[in-house]
Structure formats: C-alpha cells, structure tokens
Amino acid sequence: MGEWVRIEERNKLATIQMTPTVVREGAFRLFFFSREERRIHVHVGHPDGEAKFWLEPTVTLADHTGLSAHQLAEAERLVKKYLQEILNAWQKHFSG
C-alpha cells in the first residue's frame, strides 16, 4: 500500500513515502499527501482531475478540479464505501 519516491539530496539517497495510496478502484485512486495538513482528508485522483474530501465530522467535498458532476459523485461514493479503511490507513500512516 503506497507508492515510494526516491529523492537524492547532497549525494545521499533517501526514500520517502510521499503519496501513500489507500484504494484503487476503476480509474480512481484514493491517497494522502504526507504531512499536508492535520485535518483528516483524502485525495481522489482520476485521469480527468482530482478531488479532496474532508472525512470528519462527515464526508464533505473540500475542493476539486477537472471532474464532472458524475465523477465527483462516484468519487464521494468510493470515499464513503472505503471510509473505515481510509481512517485506519490515516491513523497508521500519520501516527509515526
């Protein structure tokens, strides 16, 4: 779970998990940006654009770009479908 990015810094190679993927379904990818902000949220990527959803107190669209109304509805459906898995992954990823 997650995609690894290699970064070279002053002849040192460090591996950092920058955008851990939580779920992939169809053309959608649900993921986090590491250390972006403290409020629990998830990004939903799609070839046509991206959306960001707040997860608490309820699933709410925070922002989006490039997605149609139908794609946004599908993204929200996926966030709700995988909500507990997303929350568990958030806790695991950001607790360290």
PDB file of N, CA and C in Angstrom:
ATOM      1  N   MET A   1       0.860  -1.171   0.000  1.00  0.00           N
ATOM      2  CA  MET A   1       0.000   0.000   0.000  1.00  0.00           C
ATOM      3  C   MET A   1       0.905   1.233   0.000  1.00  0.00           C
ATOM      4  N   GLY A   2       0.839   2.015  -1.035  1.00  0.00           N
ATOM      5  CA  GLY A   2       1.631   3.234  -1.080  1.00  0.00           C
ATOM      6  C   GLY A   2       2.635   3.193  -2.202  1.00  0.00           C
ATOM      7  N   GLU A   3       3.019   4.343  -2.648  1.00  0.00           N
ATOM      8  CA  GLU A   3       3.990   4.456  -3.715  1.00  0.00           C
ATOM      9  C   GLU A   3       5.229   5.126  -3.150  1.00  0.00           C
ATOM     10  N   TRP A   4       6.389   4.595  -3.518  1.00  0.00           N
ATOM     11  CA  TRP A   4       7.633   5.112  -2.973  1.00  0.00           C
ATOM     12  C   TRP A   4       8.308   6.022  -3.986  1.00  0.00           C
ATOM     13  N   VAL A   5       8.845   7.122  -3.503  1.00  0.00           N
ATOM     14  CA  VAL A   5       9.535   8.083  -4.344  1.00  0.00           C
ATOM     15  C   VAL A   5      10.956   8.211  -3.820  1.00  0.00           C
ATOM     16  N   ARG A   6      11.923   8.166  -4.719  1.00  0.00           N
ATOM     17  CA  ARG A   6      13.320   8.297  -4.290  1.00  0.00           C
ATOM     18  C   ARG A   6      13.771   9.741  -4.511  1.00  0.00           C
ATOM     19  N   ILE A   7      14.446  10.284  -3.544  1.00  0.00           N
ATOM     20  CA  ILE A   7      14.917  11.663  -3.612  1.00  0.00           C
ATOM     21  C   ILE A   7      16.417  11.686  -3.327  1.00  0.00           C
ATOM     22  N   GLU A   8      17.178  12.334  -4.216  1.00  0.00           N
ATOM     23  CA  GLU A   8      18.610  12.466  -3.993  1.00  0.00           C
ATOM     24  C   GLU A   8      18.892  13.832  -3.397  1.00  0.00           C
ATOM     25  N   GLU A   9      19.624  13.851  -2.292  1.00  0.00           N
ATOM     26  CA  GLU A   9      19.921  15.113  -1.620  1.00  0.00           C
ATOM     27  C   GLU A   9      21.374  15.084  -1.173  1.00  0.00           C
ATOM     28  N   ARG A  10      22.216  15.934  -1.775  1.00  0.00           N
ATOM     29  CA  ARG A  10      23.643  16.039  -1.429  1.00  0.00           C
ATOM     30  C   ARG A  10      24.320  14.677  -1.334  1.00  0.00           C
ATOM     31  N   ASN A  11      24.273  13.938  -2.434  1.00  0.00           N
ATOM     32  CA  ASN A  11      24.908  12.626  -2.539  1.00  0.00           C
ATOM     33  C   ASN A  11      24.329  11.587  -1.588  1.00  0.00           C
ATOM     34  N   LYS A  12      23.183  11.885  -0.997  1.00  0.00           N
ATOM     35  CA  LYS A  12      22.529  10.944  -0.099  1.00  0.00           C
ATOM     36  C   LYS A  12      21.225  10.523  -0.748  1.00  0.00           C
ATOM     37  N   LEU A  13      20.899   9.258  -0.711  1.00  0.00           N
ATOM     38  CA  LEU A  13      19.658   8.784  -1.287  1.00  0.00           C
ATOM     39  C   LEU A  13      18.706   8.457  -0.143  1.00  0.00           C
ATOM     40  N   ALA A  14      17.563   9.124  -0.140  1.00  0.00           N
ATOM     41  CA  ALA A  14      16.563   8.877   0.896  1.00  0.00           C
ATOM     42  C   ALA A  14      15.288   8.389   0.233  1.00  0.00           C
ATOM     43  N   THR A  15      14.591   7.503   0.878  1.00  0.00           N
ATOM     44  CA  THR A  15      13.325   7.010   0.365  1.00  0.00           C
ATOM     45  C   THR A  15      12.227   7.513   1.285  1.00  0.00           C
ATOM     46  N   ILE A  16      11.248   8.205   0.689  1.00  0.00           N
ATOM     47  CA  ILE A  16      10.175   8.810   1.469  1.00  0.00           C
ATOM     48  C   ILE A  16       8.848   8.413   0.852  1.00  0.00           C
ATOM     49  N   GLN A  17       7.908   8.014   1.682  1.00  0.00           N
ATOM     50  CA  GLN A  17       6.589   7.705   1.174  1.00  0.00           C
ATOM     51  C   GLN A  17       5.808   9.021   1.110  1.00  0.00           C
ATOM     52  N   MET A  18       5.680   9.567  -0.106  1.00  0.00           N
ATOM     53  CA  MET A  18       5.097  10.888  -0.286  1.00  0.00           C
ATOM     54  C   MET A  18       3.584  10.858  -0.458  1.00  0.00           C
ATOM     55  N   THR A  19       3.085   9.926  -1.244  1.00  0.00           N
ATOM     56  CA  THR A  19       1.658   9.873  -1.519  1.00  0.00           C
ATOM     57  C   THR A  19       1.140   8.446  -1.375  1.00  0.00           C
ATOM     58  N   PRO A  20       0.971   7.993  -0.147  1.00  0.00           N
ATOM     59  CA  PRO A  20       0.510   6.617   0.030  1.00  0.00           C
ATOM     60  C   PRO A  20      -0.896   6.406  -0.543  1.00  0.00           C
ATOM     61  N   THR A  21      -1.020   5.393  -1.370  1.00  0.00           N
ATOM     62  CA  THR A  21      -2.307   5.034  -1.955  1.00  0.00           C
ATOM     63  C   THR A  21      -3.046   4.131  -0.988  1.00  0.00           C
ATOM     64  N   VAL A  22      -4.312   4.444  -0.746  1.00  0.00           N
ATOM     65  CA  VAL A  22      -5.144   3.643   0.153  1.00  0.00           C
ATOM     66  C   VAL A  22      -5.990   2.664  -0.654  1.00  0.00           C
ATOM     67  N   VAL A  23      -6.603   3.140  -1.739  1.00  0.00           N
ATOM     68  CA  VAL A  23      -7.511   2.324  -2.544  1.00  0.00           C
ATOM     69  C   VAL A  23      -7.351   2.685  -4.016  1.00  0.00           C
ATOM     70  N   ARG A  24      -7.442   1.686  -4.855  1.00  0.00           N
ATOM     71  CA  ARG A  24      -7.582   1.886  -6.300  1.00  0.00           C
ATOM     72  C   ARG A  24      -8.835   1.144  -6.713  1.00  0.00           C
ATOM     73  N   GLU A  25      -9.719   1.849  -7.420  1.00  0.00           N
ATOM     74  CA  GLU A  25     -10.906   1.194  -7.950  1.00  0.00           C
ATOM     75  C   GLU A  25     -11.249   1.858  -9.273  1.00  0.00           C
ATOM     76  N   GLY A  26     -11.304   1.049 -10.322  1.00  0.00           N
ATOM     77  CA  GLY A  26     -11.544   1.608 -11.647  1.00  0.00           C
ATOM     78  C   GLY A  26     -10.482   2.638 -11.971  1.00  0.00           C
ATOM     79  N   ALA A  27     -10.914   3.800 -12.442  1.00  0.00           N
ATOM     80  CA  ALA A  27      -9.988   4.875 -12.798  1.00  0.00           C
ATOM     81  C   ALA A  27      -9.621   5.755 -11.608  1.00  0.00           C
ATOM     82  N   PHE A  28     -10.115   5.426 -10.410  1.00  0.00           N
ATOM     83  CA  PHE A  28      -9.910   6.266  -9.233  1.00  0.00           C
ATOM     84  C   PHE A  28      -8.807   5.727  -8.334  1.00  0.00           C
ATOM     85  N   ARG A  29      -8.056   6.659  -7.744  1.00  0.00           N
ATOM     86  CA  ARG A  29      -7.028   6.337  -6.744  1.00  0.00           C
ATOM     87  C   ARG A  29      -7.259   7.235  -5.547  1.00  0.00           C
ATOM     88  N   LEU A  30      -7.427   6.643  -4.367  1.00  0.00           N
ATOM     89  CA  LEU A  30      -7.601   7.398  -3.128  1.00  0.00           C
ATOM     90  C   LEU A  30      -6.262   7.405  -2.403  1.00  0.00           C
ATOM     91  N   PHE A  31      -5.782   8.590  -2.023  1.00  0.00           N
ATOM     92  CA  PHE A  31      -4.440   8.695  -1.460  1.00  0.00           C
ATOM     93  C   PHE A  31      -4.320   9.901  -0.535  1.00  0.00           C
ATOM     94  N   PHE A  32      -3.209   9.944   0.199  1.00  0.00           N
ATOM     95  CA  PHE A  32      -2.857  11.072   1.076  1.00  0.00           C
ATOM     96  C   PHE A  32      -1.617  11.756   0.522  1.00  0.00           C
ATOM     97  N   PHE A  33      -1.443  13.023   0.864  1.00  0.00           N
ATOM     98  CA  PHE A  33      -0.163  13.693   0.705  1.00  0.00           C
ATOM     99  C   PHE A  33       0.447  13.723   2.096  1.00  0.00           C
ATOM    100  N   SER A  34       1.650  13.207   2.233  1.00  0.00           N
ATOM    101  CA  SER A  34       2.286  13.149   3.544  1.00  0.00           C
ATOM    102  C   SER A  34       2.460  14.534   4.142  1.00  0.00           C
ATOM    103  N   ARG A  35       1.992  14.680   5.350  1.00  0.00           N
ATOM    104  CA  ARG A  35       2.184  15.899   6.161  1.00  0.00           C
ATOM    105  C   ARG A  35       1.622  17.160   5.520  1.00  0.00           C
ATOM    106  N   GLU A  36       0.597  17.019   4.719  1.00  0.00           N
ATOM    107  CA  GLU A  36      -0.006  18.186   4.071  1.00  0.00           C
ATOM    108  C   GLU A  36      -0.716  19.072   5.092  1.00  0.00           C
ATOM    109  N   GLU A  37      -1.577  18.480   5.907  1.00  0.00           N
ATOM    110  CA  GLU A  37      -2.288  19.198   6.964  1.00  0.00           C
ATOM    111  C   GLU A  37      -2.847  18.185   7.942  1.00  0.00           C
ATOM    112  N   ARG A  38      -3.260  18.635   9.113  1.00  0.00           N
ATOM    113  CA  ARG A  38      -3.661  17.727  10.180  1.00  0.00           C
ATOM    114  C   ARG A  38      -5.099  17.242  10.071  1.00  0.00           C
ATOM    115  N   ARG A  39      -5.979  18.048   9.499  1.00  0.00           N
ATOM    116  CA  ARG A  39      -7.382  17.657   9.389  1.00  0.00           C
ATOM    117  C   ARG A  39      -7.498  16.419   8.493  1.00  0.00           C
ATOM    118  N   ILE A  40      -8.261  15.432   8.959  1.00  0.00           N
ATOM    119  CA  ILE A  40      -8.356  14.169   8.232  1.00  0.00           C
ATOM    120  C   ILE A  40      -9.086  14.370   6.908  1.00  0.00           C
ATOM    121  N   HIS A  41      -8.405  13.969   5.831  1.00  0.00           N
ATOM    122  CA  HIS A  41      -8.959  14.110   4.491  1.00  0.00           C
ATOM    123  C   HIS A  41      -8.310  13.099   3.564  1.00  0.00           C
ATOM    124  N   VAL A  42      -8.876  12.949   2.386  1.00  0.00           N
ATOM    125  CA  VAL A  42      -8.313  12.054   1.384  1.00  0.00           C
ATOM    126  C   VAL A  42      -8.436  12.728   0.022  1.00  0.00           C
ATOM    127  N   HIS A  43      -7.453  12.478  -0.825  1.00  0.00           N
ATOM    128  CA  HIS A  43      -7.479  12.956  -2.201  1.00  0.00           C
ATOM    129  C   HIS A  43      -7.951  11.810  -3.082  1.00  0.00           C
ATOM    130  N   VAL A  44      -8.703  12.149  -4.107  1.00  0.00           N
ATOM    131  CA  VAL A  44      -9.181  11.158  -5.067  1.00  0.00           C
ATOM    132  C   VAL A  44      -8.687  11.588  -6.440  1.00  0.00           C
ATOM    133  N   GLY A  45      -7.769  10.807  -6.980  1.00  0.00           N
ATOM    134  CA  GLY A  45      -7.220  11.098  -8.294  1.00  0.00           C
ATOM    135  C   GLY A  45      -7.949  10.332  -9.382  1.00  0.00           C
ATOM    136  N   HIS A  46      -8.046  10.930 -10.535  1.00  0.00           N
ATOM    137  CA  HIS A  46      -8.699  10.350 -11.709  1.00  0.00           C
ATOM    138  C   HIS A  46      -7.969  10.930 -12.912  1.00  0.00           C
ATOM    139  N   PRO A  47      -7.909  10.232 -14.041  1.00  0.00           N
ATOM    140  CA  PRO A  47      -7.219  10.796 -15.201  1.00  0.00           C
ATOM    141  C   PRO A  47      -7.745  12.172 -15.625  1.00  0.00           C
ATOM    142  N   ASP A  48      -9.000  12.473 -15.319  1.00  0.00           N
ATOM    143  CA  ASP A  48      -9.572  13.764 -15.713  1.00  0.00           C
ATOM    144  C   ASP A  48      -9.364  14.879 -14.691  1.00  0.00           C
ATOM    145  N   GLY A  49      -8.991  14.546 -13.461  1.00  0.00           N
ATOM    146  CA  GLY A  49      -8.833  15.576 -12.436  1.00  0.00           C
ATOM    147  C   GLY A  49      -8.665  14.974 -11.058  1.00  0.00           C
ATOM    148  N   GLU A  50      -8.983  15.775 -10.056  1.00  0.00           N
ATOM    149  CA  GLU A  50      -8.770  15.362  -8.668  1.00  0.00           C
ATOM    150  C   GLU A  50      -9.789  16.038  -7.765  1.00  0.00           C
ATOM    151  N   ALA A  51     -10.062  15.374  -6.640  1.00  0.00           N
ATOM    152  CA  ALA A  51     -10.939  15.952  -5.621  1.00  0.00           C
ATOM    153  C   ALA A  51     -10.312  15.708  -4.255  1.00  0.00           C
ATOM    154  N   LYS A  52     -10.718  16.522  -3.301  1.00  0.00           N
ATOM    155  CA  LYS A  52     -10.269  16.372  -1.925  1.00  0.00           C
ATOM    156  C   LYS A  52     -11.518  16.353  -1.054  1.00  0.00           C
ATOM    157  N   PHE A  53     -11.586  15.369  -0.147  1.00  0.00           N
ATOM    158  CA  PHE A  53     -12.736  15.232   0.740  1.00  0.00           C
ATOM    159  C   PHE A  53     -12.291  15.282   2.193  1.00  0.00           C
ATOM    160  N   TRP A  54     -12.966  16.109   2.989  1.00  0.00           N
ATOM    161  CA  TRP A  54     -12.820  16.061   4.441  1.00  0.00           C
ATOM    162  C   TRP A  54     -13.549  14.806   4.891  1.00  0.00           C
ATOM    163  N   LEU A  55     -13.058  14.132   5.920  1.00  0.00           N
ATOM    164  CA  LEU A  55     -13.665  12.880   6.368  1.00  0.00           C
ATOM    165  C   LEU A  55     -14.444  13.022   7.667  1.00  0.00           C
ATOM    166  N   GLU A  56     -14.169  14.055   8.430  1.00  0.00           N
ATOM    167  CA  GLU A  56     -14.858  14.250   9.708  1.00  0.00           C
ATOM    168  C   GLU A  56     -15.298  15.690   9.830  1.00  0.00           C
ATOM    169  N   PRO A  57     -16.433  15.969  10.405  1.00  0.00           N
ATOM    170  CA  PRO A  57     -17.354  15.035  11.065  1.00  0.00           C
ATOM    171  C   PRO A  57     -18.150  14.185  10.079  1.00  0.00           C
ATOM    172  N   THR A  58     -18.291  14.637   8.829  1.00  0.00           N
ATOM    173  CA  THR A  58     -18.914  13.822   7.786  1.00  0.00           C
ATOM    174  C   THR A  58     -18.109  13.978   6.510  1.00  0.00           C
ATOM    175  N   VAL A  59     -18.286  13.063   5.588  1.00  0.00           N
ATOM    176  CA  VAL A  59     -17.599  13.155   4.295  1.00  0.00           C
ATOM    177  C   VAL A  59     -18.150  14.370   3.548  1.00  0.00           C
ATOM    178  N   THR A  60     -17.237  15.314   3.235  1.00  0.00           N
ATOM    179  CA  THR A  60     -17.620  16.566   2.589  1.00  0.00           C
ATOM    180  C   THR A  60     -16.594  16.923   1.520  1.00  0.00           C
ATOM    181  N   LEU A  61     -17.066  17.313   0.362  1.00  0.00           N
ATOM    182  CA  LEU A  61     -16.170  17.749  -0.698  1.00  0.00           C
ATOM    183  C   LEU A  61     -15.485  19.046  -0.280  1.00  0.00           C
ATOM    184  N   ALA A  62     -14.152  19.046  -0.286  1.00  0.00           N
ATOM    185  CA  ALA A  62     -13.389  20.233   0.098  1.00  0.00           C
ATOM    186  C   ALA A  62     -13.002  21.053  -1.127  1.00  0.00           C
ATOM    187  N   ASP A  63     -12.618  20.362  -2.199  1.00  0.00           N
ATOM    188  CA  ASP A  63     -12.134  21.051  -3.388  1.00  0.00           C
ATOM    189  C   ASP A  63     -12.073  20.043  -4.531  1.00  0.00           C
ATOM    190  N   HIS A  64     -12.101  20.542  -5.761  1.00  0.00           N
ATOM    191  CA  HIS A  64     -11.949  19.639  -6.903  1.00  0.00           C
ATOM    192  C   HIS A  64     -11.524  20.434  -8.130  1.00  0.00           C
ATOM    193  N   THR A  65     -10.985  19.701  -9.085  1.00  0.00           N
ATOM    194  CA  THR A  65     -10.618  20.303 -10.349  1.00  0.00           C
ATOM    195  C   THR A  65     -10.722  19.241 -11.445  1.00  0.00           C
ATOM    196  N   GLY A  66     -11.344  19.597 -12.556  1.00  0.00           N
ATOM    197  CA  GLY A  66     -11.378  18.747 -13.734  1.00  0.00           C
ATOM    198  C   GLY A  66     -12.389  17.632 -13.759  1.00  0.00           C
ATOM    199  N   LEU A  67     -13.069  17.346 -12.660  1.00  0.00           N
ATOM    200  CA  LEU A  67     -14.009  16.230 -12.617  1.00  0.00           C
ATOM    201  C   LEU A  67     -15.430  16.696 -12.898  1.00  0.00           C
ATOM    202  N   SER A  68     -16.177  15.873 -13.618  1.00  0.00           N
ATOM    203  CA  SER A  68     -17.585  16.164 -13.894  1.00  0.00           C
ATOM    204  C   SER A  68     -18.422  15.892 -12.643  1.00  0.00           C
ATOM    205  N   ALA A  69     -19.655  16.330 -12.654  1.00  0.00           N
ATOM    206  CA  ALA A  69     -20.571  16.070 -11.530  1.00  0.00           C
ATOM    207  C   ALA A  69     -20.717  14.568 -11.302  1.00  0.00           C
ATOM    208  N   HIS A  70     -20.796  13.802 -12.380  1.00  0.00           N
ATOM    209  CA  HIS A  70     -20.912  12.342 -12.253  1.00  0.00           C
ATOM    210  C   HIS A  70     -19.656  11.746 -11.617  1.00  0.00           C
ATOM    211  N   GLN A  71     -18.476  12.210 -12.045  1.00  0.00           N
ATOM    212  CA  GLN A  71     -17.218  11.704 -11.480  1.00  0.00           C
ATOM    213  C   GLN A  71     -17.080  12.091 -10.012  1.00  0.00           C
ATOM    214  N   LEU A  72     -17.509  13.299  -9.651  1.00  0.00           N
ATOM    215  CA  LEU A  72     -17.474  13.715  -8.246  1.00  0.00           C
ATOM    216  C   LEU A  72     -18.391  12.843  -7.398  1.00  0.00           C
ATOM    217  N   ALA A  73     -19.566  12.531  -7.914  1.00  0.00           N
ATOM    218  CA  ALA A  73     -20.489  11.665  -7.179  1.00  0.00           C
ATOM    219  C   ALA A  73     -19.886  10.273  -6.992  1.00  0.00           C
ATOM    220  N   GLU A  74     -19.232   9.771  -8.027  1.00  0.00           N
ATOM    221  CA  GLU A  74     -18.581   8.456  -7.932  1.00  0.00           C
ATOM    222  C   GLU A  74     -17.418   8.502  -6.944  1.00  0.00           C
ATOM    223  N   ALA A  75     -16.645   9.579  -6.959  1.00  0.00           N
ATOM    224  CA  ALA A  75     -15.539   9.741  -6.013  1.00  0.00           C
ATOM    225  C   ALA A  75     -16.066   9.754  -4.582  1.00  0.00           C
ATOM    226  N   GLU A  76     -17.133  10.494  -4.339  1.00  0.00           N
ATOM    227  CA  GLU A  76     -17.711  10.552  -2.995  1.00  0.00           C
ATOM    228  C   GLU A  76     -18.234   9.180  -2.574  1.00  0.00           C
ATOM    229  N   ARG A  77     -18.860   8.466  -3.504  1.00  0.00           N
ATOM    230  CA  ARG A  77     -19.362   7.125  -3.203  1.00  0.00           C
ATOM    231  C   ARG A  77     -18.207   6.213  -2.767  1.00  0.00           C
ATOM    232  N   LEU A  78     -17.067   6.308  -3.468  1.00  0.00           N
ATOM    233  CA  LEU A  78     -15.914   5.488  -3.114  1.00  0.00           C
ATOM    234  C   LEU A  78     -15.340   5.868  -1.759  1.00  0.00           C
ATOM    235  N   VAL A  79     -15.274   7.162  -1.473  1.00  0.00           N
ATOM    236  CA  VAL A  79     -14.775   7.599  -0.168  1.00  0.00           C
ATOM    237  C   VAL A  79     -15.667   7.033   0.939  1.00  0.00           C
ATOM    238  N   LYS A  80     -16.968   7.099   0.751  1.00  0.00           N
ATOM    239  CA  LYS A  80     -17.891   6.567   1.764  1.00  0.00           C
ATOM    240  C   LYS A  80     -17.788   5.046   1.862  1.00  0.00           C
ATOM    241  N   LYS A  81     -17.630   4.382   0.725  1.00  0.00           N
ATOM    242  CA  LYS A  81     -17.513   2.921   0.708  1.00  0.00           C
ATOM    243  C   LYS A  81     -16.289   2.453   1.490  1.00  0.00           C
ATOM    244  N   TYR A  82     -15.191   3.166   1.347  1.00  0.00           N
ATOM    245  CA  TYR A  82     -13.925   2.770   1.968  1.00  0.00           C
ATOM    246  C   TYR A  82     -13.561   3.626   3.180  1.00  0.00           C
ATOM    247  N   LEU A  83     -14.517   4.308   3.760  1.00  0.00           N
ATOM    248  CA  LEU A  83     -14.230   5.267   4.827  1.00  0.00           C
ATOM    249  C   LEU A  83     -13.434   4.650   5.974  1.00  0.00           C
ATOM    250  N   GLN A  84     -13.863   3.509   6.484  1.00  0.00           N
ATOM    251  CA  GLN A  84     -13.149   2.919   7.617  1.00  0.00           C
ATOM    252  C   GLN A  84     -11.731   2.516   7.235  1.00  0.00           C
ATOM    253  N   GLU A  85     -11.550   1.992   6.044  1.00  0.00           N
ATOM    254  CA  GLU A  85     -10.218   1.634   5.566  1.00  0.00           C
ATOM    255  C   GLU A  85      -9.334   2.880   5.443  1.00  0.00           C
ATOM    256  N   ILE A  86      -9.908   3.969   4.958  1.00  0.00           N
ATOM    257  CA  ILE A  86      -9.166   5.229   4.827  1.00  0.00           C
ATOM    258  C   ILE A  86      -8.755   5.748   6.201  1.00  0.00           C
ATOM    259  N   LEU A  87      -9.697   5.746   7.151  1.00  0.00           N
ATOM    260  CA  LEU A  87      -9.401   6.226   8.507  1.00  0.00           C
ATOM    261  C   LEU A  87      -8.314   5.373   9.162  1.00  0.00           C
ATOM    262  N   ASN A  88      -8.378   4.052   8.977  1.00  0.00           N
ATOM    263  CA  ASN A  88      -7.349   3.168   9.534  1.00  0.00           C
ATOM    264  C   ASN A  88      -5.988   3.463   8.913  1.00  0.00           C
ATOM    265  N   ALA A  89      -5.961   3.671   7.594  1.00  0.00           N
ATOM    266  CA  ALA A  89      -4.701   3.971   6.907  1.00  0.00           C
ATOM    267  C   ALA A  89      -4.149   5.316   7.348  1.00  0.00           C
ATOM    268  N   TRP A  90      -5.028   6.307   7.550  1.00  0.00           N
ATOM    269  CA  TRP A  90      -4.594   7.626   8.034  1.00  0.00           C
ATOM    270  C   TRP A  90      -3.909   7.475   9.385  1.00  0.00           C
ATOM    271  N   GLN A  91      -4.557   6.755  10.293  1.00  0.00           N
ATOM    272  CA  GLN A  91      -4.014   6.569  11.641  1.00  0.00           C
ATOM    273  C   GLN A  91      -2.657   5.863  11.584  1.00  0.00           C
ATOM    274  N   LYS A  92      -2.571   4.836  10.783  1.00  0.00           N
ATOM    275  CA  LYS A  92      -1.311   4.092  10.656  1.00  0.00           C
ATOM    276  C   LYS A  92      -0.217   4.968  10.042  1.00  0.00           C
ATOM    277  N   HIS A  93      -0.548   5.699   8.987  1.00  0.00           N
ATOM    278  CA  HIS A  93       0.465   6.494   8.285  1.00  0.00           C
ATOM    279  C   HIS A  93       0.948   7.685   9.094  1.00  0.00           C
ATOM    280  N   PHE A  94       0.023   8.373   9.755  1.00  0.00           N
ATOM    281  CA  PHE A  94       0.388   9.621  10.423  1.00  0.00           C
ATOM    282  C   PHE A  94       0.676   9.475  11.910  1.00  0.00           C
ATOM    283  N   SER A  95       0.572   8.262  12.445  1.00  0.00           N
ATOM    284  CA  SER A  95       0.835   8.098  13.886  1.00  0.00           C
ATOM    285  C   SER A  95       2.326   8.053  14.186  1.00  0.00           C
ATOM    286  N   GLY A  96       3.136   7.824  13.156  1.00  0.00           N
ATOM    287  CA  GLY A  96       4.577   7.694  13.362  1.00  0.00           C
ATOM    288  C   GLY A  96       5.331   8.967  13.309  1.00  0.00           C
TER     289      GLY A  96
END
